[in-house]
Amino acid sequence: MKSAIYALLCFIFIISSLFQEVEACICSESFKGGCLEPRNEYCATQFRKRLNEQTAFNCTCVTSHSRAQCSCRLARKCTTGPWPC
């Protein structure tokens, strides 16, 4: 009986851990040239190509002084220190 209860508790713990939300942080970076359409895809692509950041999503882009100012959410925990965010 105890082993069945332990097995059930382990199963519940494993299932609940699968549905925990990943903490996302916001990272901003400036790239040479202006924003291209679609702006959110442009920034996510720049994060992947230039910064090797594969988890960028929900990006925004603003052209300022001939530079693309990109802000993206990253589907991972934020780090401290220099880039990456």
PDB file of N, CA and C in Angstrom:
ATOM      1  N   MET A   1       0.821  -1.193   0.000  1.00  0.00           N
ATOM      2  CA  MET A   1       0.000   0.000   0.000  1.00  0.00           C
ATOM      3  C   MET A   1       0.872   1.266   0.000  1.00  0.00           C
ATOM      4  N   LYS A   2       1.936   1.251   0.839  1.00  0.00           N
ATOM      5  CA  LYS A   2       2.810   2.413   0.898  1.00  0.00           C
ATOM      6  C   LYS A   2       3.496   2.643  -0.442  1.00  0.00           C
ATOM      7  N   SER A   3       3.918   1.577  -1.084  1.00  0.00           N
ATOM      8  CA  SER A   3       4.617   1.732  -2.361  1.00  0.00           C
ATOM      9  C   SER A   3       3.691   2.315  -3.433  1.00  0.00           C
ATOM     10  N   ALA A   4       2.424   1.966  -3.391  1.00  0.00           N
ATOM     11  CA  ALA A   4       1.464   2.524  -4.345  1.00  0.00           C
ATOM     12  C   ALA A   4       1.270   4.028  -4.104  1.00  0.00           C
ATOM     13  N   ILE A   5       1.228   4.422  -2.856  1.00  0.00           N
ATOM     14  CA  ILE A   5       1.090   5.837  -2.525  1.00  0.00           C
ATOM     15  C   ILE A   5       2.329   6.602  -2.973  1.00  0.00           C
ATOM     16  N   TYR A   6       3.527   6.056  -2.705  1.00  0.00           N
ATOM     17  CA  TYR A   6       4.765   6.699  -3.136  1.00  0.00           C
ATOM     18  C   TYR A   6       4.835   6.819  -4.659  1.00  0.00           C
ATOM     19  N   ALA A   7       4.417   5.768  -5.345  1.00  0.00           N
ATOM     20  CA  ALA A   7       4.420   5.804  -6.802  1.00  0.00           C
ATOM     21  C   ALA A   7       3.452   6.878  -7.316  1.00  0.00           C
ATOM     22  N   LEU A   8       2.290   6.982  -6.704  1.00  0.00           N
ATOM     23  CA  LEU A   8       1.309   7.992  -7.095  1.00  0.00           C
ATOM     24  C   LEU A   8       1.837   9.402  -6.827  1.00  0.00           C
ATOM     25  N   LEU A   9       2.478   9.610  -5.686  1.00  0.00           N
ATOM     26  CA  LEU A   9       3.049  10.917  -5.373  1.00  0.00           C
ATOM     27  C   LEU A   9       4.162  11.290  -6.353  1.00  0.00           C
ATOM     28  N   CYS A  10       5.006  10.340  -6.707  1.00  0.00           N
ATOM     29  CA  CYS A  10       6.067  10.591  -7.685  1.00  0.00           C
ATOM     30  C   CYS A  10       5.475  10.965  -9.039  1.00  0.00           C
ATOM     31  N   PHE A  11       4.451  10.262  -9.451  1.00  0.00           N
ATOM     32  CA  PHE A  11       3.788  10.541 -10.717  1.00  0.00           C
ATOM     33  C   PHE A  11       3.211  11.959 -10.713  1.00  0.00           C
ATOM     34  N   ILE A  12       2.538  12.336  -9.635  1.00  0.00           N
ATOM     35  CA  ILE A  12       1.956  13.675  -9.534  1.00  0.00           C
ATOM     36  C   ILE A  12       3.058  14.733  -9.576  1.00  0.00           C
ATOM     37  N   PHE A  13       4.156  14.494  -8.877  1.00  0.00           N
ATOM     38  CA  PHE A  13       5.264  15.450  -8.864  1.00  0.00           C
ATOM     39  C   PHE A  13       5.854  15.626 -10.264  1.00  0.00           C
ATOM     40  N   ILE A  14       6.052  14.540 -10.974  1.00  0.00           N
ATOM     41  CA  ILE A  14       6.626  14.603 -12.325  1.00  0.00           C
ATOM     42  C   ILE A  14       5.688  15.353 -13.267  1.00  0.00           C
ATOM     43  N   ILE A  15       4.421  15.037 -13.226  1.00  0.00           N
ATOM     44  CA  ILE A  15       3.447  15.699 -14.100  1.00  0.00           C
ATOM     45  C   ILE A  15       3.362  17.189 -13.777  1.00  0.00           C
ATOM     46  N   SER A  16       3.336  17.548 -12.503  1.00  0.00           N
ATOM     47  CA  SER A  16       3.226  18.962 -12.142  1.00  0.00           C
ATOM     48  C   SER A  16       4.477  19.737 -12.543  1.00  0.00           C
ATOM     49  N   SER A  17       5.642  19.116 -12.507  1.00  0.00           N
ATOM     50  CA  SER A  17       6.869  19.814 -12.891  1.00  0.00           C
ATOM     51  C   SER A  17       6.912  20.076 -14.389  1.00  0.00           C
ATOM     52  N   LEU A  18       6.240  19.288 -15.188  1.00  0.00           N
ATOM     53  CA  LEU A  18       6.209  19.504 -16.628  1.00  0.00           C
ATOM     54  C   LEU A  18       5.441  20.759 -16.999  1.00  0.00           C
ATOM     55  N   PHE A  19       4.486  21.152 -16.170  1.00  0.00           N
ATOM     56  CA  PHE A  19       3.629  22.281 -16.495  1.00  0.00           C
ATOM     57  C   PHE A  19       4.038  23.574 -15.804  1.00  0.00           C
ATOM     58  N   GLN A  20       5.185  23.576 -15.148  1.00  0.00           N
ATOM     59  CA  GLN A  20       5.642  24.813 -14.527  1.00  0.00           C
ATOM     60  C   GLN A  20       6.069  25.792 -15.599  1.00  0.00           C
ATOM     61  N   GLU A  21       5.736  27.050 -15.393  1.00  0.00           N
ATOM     62  CA  GLU A  21       6.049  28.087 -16.354  1.00  0.00           C
ATOM     63  C   GLU A  21       7.525  28.451 -16.272  1.00  0.00           C
ATOM     64  N   VAL A  22       8.153  28.640 -17.430  1.00  0.00           N
ATOM     65  CA  VAL A  22       9.543  29.042 -17.478  1.00  0.00           C
ATOM     66  C   VAL A  22       9.623  30.544 -17.245  1.00  0.00           C
ATOM     67  N   GLU A  23      10.527  30.944 -16.359  1.00  0.00           N
ATOM     68  CA  GLU A  23      10.713  32.371 -16.112  1.00  0.00           C
ATOM     69  C   GLU A  23      11.367  32.989 -17.343  1.00  0.00           C
ATOM     70  N   ALA A  24      10.758  34.016 -17.875  1.00  0.00           N
ATOM     71  CA  ALA A  24      11.301  34.684 -19.053  1.00  0.00           C
ATOM     72  C   ALA A  24      11.831  36.052 -18.649  1.00  0.00           C
ATOM     73  N   CYS A  25      12.959  36.408 -19.216  1.00  0.00           N
ATOM     74  CA  CYS A  25      13.487  37.747 -18.960  1.00  0.00           C
ATOM     75  C   CYS A  25      13.452  38.534 -20.260  1.00  0.00           C
ATOM     76  N   ILE A  26      13.583  39.828 -20.152  1.00  0.00           N
ATOM     77  CA  ILE A  26      13.568  40.690 -21.329  1.00  0.00           C
ATOM     78  C   ILE A  26      14.987  41.180 -21.581  1.00  0.00           C
ATOM     79  N   CYS A  27      15.413  41.067 -22.817  1.00  0.00           N
ATOM     80  CA  CYS A  27      16.750  41.485 -23.207  1.00  0.00           C
ATOM     81  C   CYS A  27      16.635  42.498 -24.341  1.00  0.00           C
ATOM     82  N   SER A  28      17.415  43.556 -24.270  1.00  0.00           N
ATOM     83  CA  SER A  28      17.427  44.581 -25.314  1.00  0.00           C
ATOM     84  C   SER A  28      18.814  44.657 -25.931  1.00  0.00           C
ATOM     85  N   GLU A  29      18.847  44.841 -27.230  1.00  0.00           N
ATOM     86  CA  GLU A  29      20.114  44.929 -27.956  1.00  0.00           C
ATOM     87  C   GLU A  29      19.916  45.813 -29.176  1.00  0.00           C
ATOM     88  N   SER A  30      20.969  46.478 -29.602  1.00  0.00           N
ATOM     89  CA  SER A  30      20.934  47.370 -30.754  1.00  0.00           C
ATOM     90  C   SER A  30      21.703  46.726 -31.907  1.00  0.00           C
ATOM     91  N   PHE A  31      21.128  46.766 -33.105  1.00  0.00           N
ATOM     92  CA  PHE A  31      21.762  46.190 -34.291  1.00  0.00           C
ATOM     93  C   PHE A  31      21.875  47.253 -35.378  1.00  0.00           C
ATOM     94  N   LYS A  32      22.929  47.180 -36.165  1.00  0.00           N
ATOM     95  CA  LYS A  32      23.147  48.142 -37.245  1.00  0.00           C
ATOM     96  C   LYS A  32      22.036  48.018 -38.282  1.00  0.00           C
ATOM     97  N   GLY A  33      21.547  49.166 -38.768  1.00  0.00           N
ATOM     98  CA  GLY A  33      20.468  49.181 -39.748  1.00  0.00           C
ATOM     99  C   GLY A  33      19.125  49.323 -39.061  1.00  0.00           C
ATOM    100  N   GLY A  34      18.122  49.655 -39.822  1.00  0.00           N
ATOM    101  CA  GLY A  34      16.785  49.830 -39.269  1.00  0.00           C
ATOM    102  C   GLY A  34      16.019  48.528 -39.177  1.00  0.00           C
ATOM    103  N   CYS A  35      14.845  48.610 -38.602  1.00  0.00           N
ATOM    104  CA  CYS A  35      13.972  47.439 -38.470  1.00  0.00           C
ATOM    105  C   CYS A  35      13.396  47.060 -39.829  1.00  0.00           C
ATOM    106  N   LEU A  36      13.265  45.789 -40.069  1.00  0.00           N
ATOM    107  CA  LEU A  36      12.636  45.278 -41.279  1.00  0.00           C
ATOM    108  C   LEU A  36      11.342  44.586 -40.897  1.00  0.00           C
ATOM    109  N   GLU A  37      10.414  44.499 -41.845  1.00  0.00           N
ATOM    110  CA  GLU A  37       9.129  43.840 -41.588  1.00  0.00           C
ATOM    111  C   GLU A  37       9.258  42.338 -41.801  1.00  0.00           C
ATOM    112  N   PRO A  38       8.588  41.523 -41.064  1.00  0.00           N
ATOM    113  CA  PRO A  38       7.874  41.835 -39.833  1.00  0.00           C
ATOM    114  C   PRO A  38       8.870  42.085 -38.693  1.00  0.00           C
ATOM    115  N   ARG A  39       8.654  43.143 -37.953  1.00  0.00           N
ATOM    116  CA  ARG A  39       9.607  43.619 -36.954  1.00  0.00           C
ATOM    117  C   ARG A  39       9.911  42.588 -35.871  1.00  0.00           C
ATOM    118  N   ASN A  40       8.893  41.902 -35.377  1.00  0.00           N
ATOM    119  CA  ASN A  40       9.136  40.923 -34.315  1.00  0.00           C
ATOM    120  C   ASN A  40       9.998  39.764 -34.821  1.00  0.00           C
ATOM    121  N   GLU A  41       9.770  39.323 -36.053  1.00  0.00           N
ATOM    122  CA  GLU A  41      10.577  38.250 -36.631  1.00  0.00           C
ATOM    123  C   GLU A  41      12.004  38.718 -36.904  1.00  0.00           C
ATOM    124  N   TYR A  42      12.152  39.974 -37.323  1.00  0.00           N
ATOM    125  CA  TYR A  42      13.472  40.525 -37.604  1.00  0.00           C
ATOM    126  C   TYR A  42      14.338  40.473 -36.343  1.00  0.00           C
ATOM    127  N   CYS A  43      13.808  40.922 -35.237  1.00  0.00           N
ATOM    128  CA  CYS A  43      14.577  40.934 -33.993  1.00  0.00           C
ATOM    129  C   CYS A  43      14.904  39.519 -33.517  1.00  0.00           C
ATOM    130  N   ALA A  44      13.931  38.625 -33.576  1.00  0.00           N
ATOM    131  CA  ALA A  44      14.195  37.248 -33.161  1.00  0.00           C
ATOM    132  C   ALA A  44      15.295  36.628 -34.021  1.00  0.00           C
ATOM    133  N   THR A  45      15.285  36.924 -35.325  1.00  0.00           N
ATOM    134  CA  THR A  45      16.320  36.420 -36.225  1.00  0.00           C
ATOM    135  C   THR A  45      17.679  37.005 -35.875  1.00  0.00           C
ATOM    136  N   GLN A  46      17.727  38.301 -35.563  1.00  0.00           N
ATOM    137  CA  GLN A  46      18.994  38.933 -35.188  1.00  0.00           C
ATOM    138  C   GLN A  46      19.541  38.323 -33.895  1.00  0.00           C
ATOM    139  N   PHE A  47      18.688  38.067 -32.941  1.00  0.00           N
ATOM    140  CA  PHE A  47      19.128  37.436 -31.692  1.00  0.00           C
ATOM    141  C   PHE A  47      19.709  36.052 -31.971  1.00  0.00           C
ATOM    142  N   ARG A  48      19.065  35.304 -32.882  1.00  0.00           N
ATOM    143  CA  ARG A  48      19.561  33.957 -33.203  1.00  0.00           C
ATOM    144  C   ARG A  48      20.890  34.022 -33.949  1.00  0.00           C
ATOM    145  N   LYS A  49      20.967  34.845 -34.982  1.00  0.00           N
ATOM    146  CA  LYS A  49      22.155  34.890 -35.835  1.00  0.00           C
ATOM    147  C   LYS A  49      23.356  35.537 -35.160  1.00  0.00           C
ATOM    148  N   ARG A  50      23.154  36.692 -34.585  1.00  0.00           N
ATOM    149  CA  ARG A  50      24.284  37.476 -34.087  1.00  0.00           C
ATOM    150  C   ARG A  50      24.656  37.181 -32.641  1.00  0.00           C
ATOM    151  N   LEU A  51      23.690  36.762 -31.857  1.00  0.00           N
ATOM    152  CA  LEU A  51      23.944  36.555 -30.432  1.00  0.00           C
ATOM    153  C   LEU A  51      23.828  35.097 -30.017  1.00  0.00           C
ATOM    154  N   ASN A  52      23.512  34.227 -30.977  1.00  0.00           N
ATOM    155  CA  ASN A  52      23.345  32.800 -30.704  1.00  0.00           C
ATOM    156  C   ASN A  52      22.329  32.558 -29.581  1.00  0.00           C
ATOM    157  N   GLU A  53      21.280  33.356 -29.561  1.00  0.00           N
ATOM    158  CA  GLU A  53      20.218  33.226 -28.569  1.00  0.00           C
ATOM    159  C   GLU A  53      19.014  32.597 -29.249  1.00  0.00           C
ATOM    160  N   GLN A  54      18.790  31.319 -28.967  1.00  0.00           N
ATOM    161  CA  GLN A  54      17.758  30.557 -29.664  1.00  0.00           C
ATOM    162  C   GLN A  54      16.375  30.669 -29.034  1.00  0.00           C
ATOM    163  N   THR A  55      16.268  31.298 -27.873  1.00  0.00           N
ATOM    164  CA  THR A  55      14.989  31.302 -27.163  1.00  0.00           C
ATOM    165  C   THR A  55      14.236  32.625 -27.254  1.00  0.00           C
ATOM    166  N   ALA A  56      14.652  33.549 -28.125  1.00  0.00           N
ATOM    167  CA  ALA A  56      14.005  34.863 -28.221  1.00  0.00           C
ATOM    168  C   ALA A  56      12.605  34.738 -28.823  1.00  0.00           C
ATOM    169  N   PHE A  57      11.644  35.438 -28.215  1.00  0.00           N
ATOM    170  CA  PHE A  57      10.276  35.472 -28.734  1.00  0.00           C
ATOM    171  C   PHE A  57       9.613  36.767 -28.283  1.00  0.00           C
ATOM    172  N   ASN A  58       8.442  37.069 -28.834  1.00  0.00           N
ATOM    173  CA  ASN A  58       7.657  38.240 -28.467  1.00  0.00           C
ATOM    174  C   ASN A  58       8.517  39.511 -28.507  1.00  0.00           C
ATOM    175  N   CYS A  59       9.164  39.736 -29.647  1.00  0.00           N
ATOM    176  CA  CYS A  59      10.103  40.847 -29.801  1.00  0.00           C
ATOM    177  C   CYS A  59       9.408  42.115 -30.299  1.00  0.00           C
ATOM    178  N   THR A  60      10.040  43.246 -29.992  1.00  0.00           N
ATOM    179  CA  THR A  60       9.625  44.527 -30.541  1.00  0.00           C
ATOM    180  C   THR A  60      10.849  45.195 -31.141  1.00  0.00           C
ATOM    181  N   CYS A  61      10.632  46.038 -32.146  1.00  0.00           N
ATOM    182  CA  CYS A  61      11.729  46.707 -32.827  1.00  0.00           C
ATOM    183  C   CYS A  61      11.370  48.168 -33.067  1.00  0.00           C
ATOM    184  N   VAL A  62      12.322  49.049 -32.750  1.00  0.00           N
ATOM    185  CA  VAL A  62      12.172  50.478 -32.984  1.00  0.00           C
ATOM    186  C   VAL A  62      13.440  50.961 -33.668  1.00  0.00           C
ATOM    187  N   THR A  63      13.282  51.672 -34.792  1.00  0.00           N
ATOM    188  CA  THR A  63      14.449  52.227 -35.480  1.00  0.00           C
ATOM    189  C   THR A  63      14.820  53.554 -34.830  1.00  0.00           C
ATOM    190  N   SER A  64      16.082  53.668 -34.439  1.00  0.00           N
ATOM    191  CA  SER A  64      16.564  54.879 -33.795  1.00  0.00           C
ATOM    192  C   SER A  64      17.996  55.142 -34.243  1.00  0.00           C
ATOM    193  N   HIS A  65      18.227  56.296 -34.877  1.00  0.00           N
ATOM    194  CA  HIS A  65      19.573  56.683 -35.332  1.00  0.00           C
ATOM    195  C   HIS A  65      20.198  55.604 -36.211  1.00  0.00           C
ATOM    196  N   SER A  66      19.449  55.124 -37.182  1.00  0.00           N
ATOM    197  CA  SER A  66      19.904  54.106 -38.142  1.00  0.00           C
ATOM    198  C   SER A  66      20.287  52.789 -37.478  1.00  0.00           C
ATOM    199  N   ARG A  67      19.705  52.518 -36.335  1.00  0.00           N
ATOM    200  CA  ARG A  67      19.950  51.251 -35.650  1.00  0.00           C
ATOM    201  C   ARG A  67      18.610  50.638 -35.248  1.00  0.00           C
ATOM    202  N   ALA A  68      18.559  49.335 -35.252  1.00  0.00           N
ATOM    203  CA  ALA A  68      17.367  48.620 -34.809  1.00  0.00           C
ATOM    204  C   ALA A  68      17.508  48.351 -33.310  1.00  0.00           C
ATOM    205  N   GLN A  69      16.618  48.923 -32.529  1.00  0.00           N
ATOM    206  CA  GLN A  69      16.605  48.689 -31.088  1.00  0.00           C
ATOM    207  C   GLN A  69      15.626  47.551 -30.824  1.00  0.00           C
ATOM    208  N   CYS A  70      16.152  46.380 -30.536  1.00  0.00           N
ATOM    209  CA  CYS A  70      15.318  45.186 -30.346  1.00  0.00           C
ATOM    210  C   CYS A  70      15.190  44.845 -28.868  1.00  0.00           C
ATOM    211  N   SER A  71      13.994  44.475 -28.473  1.00  0.00           N
ATOM    212  CA  SER A  71      13.727  43.945 -27.134  1.00  0.00           C
ATOM    213  C   SER A  71      12.972  42.640 -27.314  1.00  0.00           C
ATOM    214  N   CYS A  72      13.498  41.582 -26.733  1.00  0.00           N
ATOM    215  CA  CYS A  72      12.867  40.259 -26.842  1.00  0.00           C
ATOM    216  C   CYS A  72      12.777  39.620 -25.471  1.00  0.00           C
ATOM    217  N   ARG A  73      11.760  38.790 -25.322  1.00  0.00           N
ATOM    218  CA  ARG A  73      11.679  37.940 -24.139  1.00  0.00           C
ATOM    219  C   ARG A  73      12.491  36.693 -24.436  1.00  0.00           C
ATOM    220  N   LEU A  74      13.176  36.199 -23.425  1.00  0.00           N
ATOM    221  CA  LEU A  74      13.976  34.989 -23.564  1.00  0.00           C
ATOM    222  C   LEU A  74      13.363  33.902 -22.706  1.00  0.00           C
ATOM    223  N   ALA A  75      13.165  32.731 -23.296  1.00  0.00           N
ATOM    224  CA  ALA A  75      12.523  31.622 -22.586  1.00  0.00           C
ATOM    225  C   ALA A  75      13.554  30.854 -21.771  1.00  0.00           C
ATOM    226  N   ARG A  76      14.188  31.575 -20.865  1.00  0.00           N
ATOM    227  CA  ARG A  76      15.152  30.973 -19.943  1.00  0.00           C
ATOM    228  C   ARG A  76      15.334  31.934 -18.792  1.00  0.00           C
ATOM    229  N   LYS A  77      15.989  31.478 -17.755  1.00  0.00           N
ATOM    230  CA  LYS A  77      16.232  32.348 -16.617  1.00  0.00           C
ATOM    231  C   LYS A  77      17.273  33.386 -16.987  1.00  0.00           C
ATOM    232  N   CYS A  78      17.121  34.561 -16.442  1.00  0.00           N
ATOM    233  CA  CYS A  78      18.067  35.645 -16.691  1.00  0.00           C
ATOM    234  C   CYS A  78      19.377  35.365 -15.956  1.00  0.00           C
ATOM    235  N   THR A  79      20.454  35.856 -16.547  1.00  0.00           N
ATOM    236  CA  THR A  79      21.752  35.715 -15.906  1.00  0.00           C
ATOM    237  C   THR A  79      22.221  37.101 -15.476  1.00  0.00           C
ATOM    238  N   THR A  80      23.160  37.142 -14.585  1.00  0.00           N
ATOM    239  CA  THR A  80      23.722  38.414 -14.161  1.00  0.00           C
ATOM    240  C   THR A  80      25.054  38.615 -14.869  1.00  0.00           C
ATOM    241  N   GLY A  81      25.478  39.850 -14.918  1.00  0.00           N
ATOM    242  CA  GLY A  81      26.755  40.148 -15.557  1.00  0.00           C
ATOM    243  C   GLY A  81      26.553  40.624 -16.979  1.00  0.00           C
ATOM    244  N   PRO A  82      27.636  40.611 -17.769  1.00  0.00           N
ATOM    245  CA  PRO A  82      27.532  41.096 -19.140  1.00  0.00           C
ATOM    246  C   PRO A  82      26.639  40.192 -19.975  1.00  0.00           C
ATOM    247  N   TRP A  83      26.364  40.643 -21.212  1.00  0.00           N
ATOM    248  CA  TRP A  83      25.459  39.902 -22.095  1.00  0.00           C
ATOM    249  C   TRP A  83      25.847  38.453 -22.096  1.00  0.00           C
ATOM    250  N   PRO A  84      24.958  37.528 -22.204  1.00  0.00           N
ATOM    251  CA  PRO A  84      23.525  37.691 -22.423  1.00  0.00           C
ATOM    252  C   PRO A  84      22.795  38.145 -21.166  1.00  0.00           C
ATOM    253  N   CYS A  85      21.665  38.742 -21.402  1.00  0.00           N
ATOM    254  CA  CYS A  85      20.859  39.359 -20.327  1.00  0.00           C
ATOM    255  C   CYS A  85      20.600  38.414 -19.177  1.00  0.00           C
TER     256      CYS A  85
END
